[in-house]
Amino acid sequence: MTNKSDSERFREIRNAKAYRDFFVEDRFEAGIVLSGTEVKSVRAGLAQISDSFVRMDMDVPILYHANIAQYEYGSYANHDPHNPRRLLLHKREIRKIREAIQSGGRTVVPLRMYFKGSLVKVEIAVAKGKKLFDKREDLKKDIMRREAERDFRAR
């Protein structure tokens, strides 16, 4: 039995590298096919999606390199932490993603994993990779923004 405070403890699992390494364009909410022990591990916050990506295999979006740790109290039915996991989207969303990937220079990355009711959802995005100079520009903007906020607080 879980307390309300336990369920509020887990908010979402974020991909910290997504906004640093990519220009995020279109976003989609996808369901994900998980086993029971995987859901329990995600509920405990034991998942990591920062190195993961989505690939289309025969028009089926599949999440690769998402690490969902084995459930501590699992038995012989425990899952493999590095299994590819199928994503559930509408056909029109799959078609939009496929067209964006085929146009070139874009990839699909997960932004966050969260619960919507009792279902695990993954927010994915079509993204374009940043070059080194783009990352430097973002860093300069962040530094300037922080300095402006510091000056504003000092007044």
Protein backbone atom coordinates (compact mmCIF):
# COMPACT_ATOMS: atom_id res chain seq x y z
CA MET A 1 0.00 0.00 0.00
CA THR A 2 1.43 3.38 -0.99
CA ASN A 3 0.89 6.67 0.73
CA LYS A 4 -0.16 9.79 -1.11
CA SER A 5 3.26 11.26 -0.35
CA ASP A 6 4.91 8.30 -2.10
CA SER A 7 2.89 8.84 -5.27
CA GLU A 8 3.62 12.57 -5.21
CA ARG A 9 7.33 11.90 -4.85
CA PHE A 10 7.65 10.74 -8.46
CA ARG A 11 6.88 13.48 -10.93
CA GLU A 12 8.61 12.58 -14.17
CA ILE A 13 11.86 11.39 -15.65
CA ARG A 14 13.47 14.02 -17.87
CA ASN A 15 16.03 13.83 -20.64
CA ALA A 16 18.51 16.50 -19.60
CA LYS A 17 20.57 16.19 -22.78
CA ALA A 18 17.68 16.76 -25.19
CA TYR A 19 17.50 20.55 -25.00
CA ARG A 20 21.27 20.89 -24.81
CA ASP A 21 22.00 18.79 -27.90
CA PHE A 22 18.93 19.37 -30.09
CA PHE A 23 16.55 22.00 -31.42
CA VAL A 24 13.17 20.55 -30.42
CA GLU A 25 10.47 20.92 -33.07
CA ASP A 26 7.26 18.82 -33.01
CA ARG A 27 6.22 17.05 -29.80
CA PHE A 28 4.06 13.96 -29.41
CA GLU A 29 2.65 12.07 -26.44
CA ALA A 30 3.13 8.33 -26.85
CA GLY A 31 2.08 5.38 -24.79
CA ILE A 32 4.73 2.77 -24.08
CA VAL A 33 4.42 -1.01 -23.84
CA LEU A 34 5.86 -2.13 -20.49
CA SER A 35 5.70 -5.22 -18.31
CA GLY A 36 4.51 -5.10 -14.70
CA THR A 37 7.98 -4.95 -13.16
CA GLU A 38 8.97 -2.16 -15.56
CA VAL A 39 5.99 -0.06 -14.47
CA LYS A 40 6.91 -0.57 -10.83
CA SER A 41 10.49 0.53 -11.51
CA VAL A 42 9.33 3.64 -13.37
CA ARG A 43 6.94 4.43 -10.51
CA ALA A 44 9.93 4.24 -8.15
CA GLY A 45 11.83 6.66 -10.42
CA LEU A 46 14.43 4.07 -11.48
CA ALA A 47 14.51 4.88 -15.19
CA GLN A 48 16.93 6.85 -17.33
CA ILE A 49 16.23 8.14 -20.86
CA SER A 50 19.07 10.60 -21.47
CA ASP A 51 20.90 8.38 -24.00
CA SER A 52 17.81 6.97 -25.66
CA PHE A 53 16.34 7.58 -29.10
CA VAL A 54 13.38 6.46 -31.20
CA ARG A 55 13.75 4.55 -34.44
CA MET A 56 11.01 3.52 -36.86
CA ASP A 57 11.11 -0.23 -37.56
CA MET A 58 8.54 -1.14 -40.23
CA ASP A 59 6.42 1.90 -39.30
CA VAL A 60 6.47 0.98 -35.61
CA PRO A 61 8.20 3.51 -33.31
CA ILE A 62 10.56 1.77 -30.90
CA LEU A 63 12.42 3.36 -28.00
CA TYR A 64 16.04 2.19 -27.80
CA HIS A 65 18.62 2.55 -25.00
CA ALA A 66 16.11 3.51 -22.33
CA ASN A 67 17.37 2.03 -19.08
CA ILE A 68 14.62 0.90 -16.71
CA ALA A 69 16.30 -0.74 -13.73
CA GLN A 70 15.19 -4.20 -12.65
CA TYR A 71 12.51 -4.18 -9.98
CA GLU A 72 14.09 -4.84 -6.60
CA TYR A 73 11.39 -7.26 -5.45
CA GLY A 74 10.92 -8.94 -8.83
CA SER A 75 11.25 -12.69 -9.23
CA TYR A 76 11.99 -14.85 -12.26
CA ALA A 77 9.60 -12.60 -14.23
CA ASN A 78 11.89 -9.57 -13.91
CA HIS A 79 12.65 -7.68 -17.12
CA ASP A 80 15.85 -6.91 -19.03
CA PRO A 81 16.79 -3.25 -18.28
CA HIS A 82 17.92 -2.50 -21.85
CA ASN A 83 15.07 -4.01 -23.91
CA PRO A 84 13.79 -1.94 -26.84
CA ARG A 85 10.28 -0.80 -26.01
CA ARG A 86 7.44 -0.22 -28.43
CA LEU A 87 5.72 3.18 -28.47
CA LEU A 88 2.01 3.60 -29.17
CA LEU A 89 0.97 6.44 -31.47
CA HIS A 90 -1.83 7.19 -33.92
CA LYS A 91 -1.17 6.47 -37.60
CA ARG A 92 -1.23 10.15 -38.54
CA GLU A 93 1.40 10.90 -35.87
CA ILE A 94 3.57 8.02 -37.09
CA ARG A 95 3.25 9.34 -40.66
CA LYS A 96 4.29 12.86 -39.57
CA ILE A 97 7.31 11.49 -37.71
CA ARG A 98 8.35 9.26 -40.60
CA GLU A 99 8.11 12.15 -43.08
CA ALA A 100 10.18 14.41 -40.81
CA ILE A 101 12.90 11.78 -40.46
CA GLN A 102 12.97 11.07 -44.21
CA SER A 103 13.30 14.76 -45.05
CA GLY A 104 16.77 14.51 -43.51
CA GLY A 105 18.73 15.99 -40.65
CA ARG A 106 16.19 15.12 -37.96
CA THR A 107 15.88 12.49 -35.29
CA VAL A 108 13.32 11.54 -32.67
CA VAL A 109 14.30 11.82 -29.00
CA PRO A 110 12.32 11.27 -25.80
CA LEU A 111 11.95 14.39 -23.66
CA ARG A 112 10.31 12.95 -20.56
CA MET A 113 8.56 9.89 -19.15
CA TYR A 114 5.63 10.40 -16.80
CA PHE A 115 2.41 8.92 -15.46
CA LYS A 116 -0.95 10.03 -16.79
CA GLY A 117 -3.36 8.40 -14.41
CA SER A 118 -2.08 4.86 -14.13
CA LEU A 119 -0.52 4.81 -17.63
CA VAL A 120 3.11 5.53 -18.41
CA LYS A 121 3.51 8.08 -21.19
CA VAL A 122 6.59 9.25 -23.07
CA GLU A 123 6.82 12.71 -24.59
CA ILE A 124 8.86 12.41 -27.77
CA ALA A 125 9.97 15.12 -30.15
CA VAL A 126 11.26 15.45 -33.66
CA ALA A 127 14.54 17.29 -33.20
CA LYS A 128 17.42 18.66 -35.21
CA GLY A 129 20.95 18.29 -33.85
CA LYS A 130 22.82 21.36 -32.65
CA LYS A 131 26.28 22.18 -33.91
CA LEU A 132 29.07 23.22 -31.55
CA PHE A 133 28.62 26.92 -32.31
CA ASP A 134 24.89 26.65 -31.55
CA LYS A 135 25.70 25.21 -28.13
CA ARG A 136 28.16 28.05 -27.51
CA GLU A 137 25.51 30.63 -28.44
CA ASP A 138 23.05 29.06 -26.01
CA LEU A 139 25.70 29.12 -23.28
CA LYS A 140 26.37 32.82 -23.93
CA LYS A 141 22.64 33.59 -23.76
CA ASP A 142 22.33 31.73 -20.45
CA ILE A 143 25.28 33.64 -18.97
CA MET A 144 23.84 36.98 -20.11
CA ARG A 145 20.40 36.09 -18.71
CA ARG A 146 21.90 35.10 -15.34
CA GLU A 147 23.91 38.33 -15.14
CA ALA A 148 20.82 40.40 -15.96
CA GLU A 149 18.83 38.61 -13.25
CA ARG A 150 21.68 39.15 -10.75
CA ASP A 151 21.80 42.88 -11.60
CA PHE A 152 18.02 43.14 -11.32
CA ARG A 153 18.04 41.48 -7.87
CA ALA A 154 20.86 43.75 -6.68
CA ARG A 155 18.82 46.91 -7.40
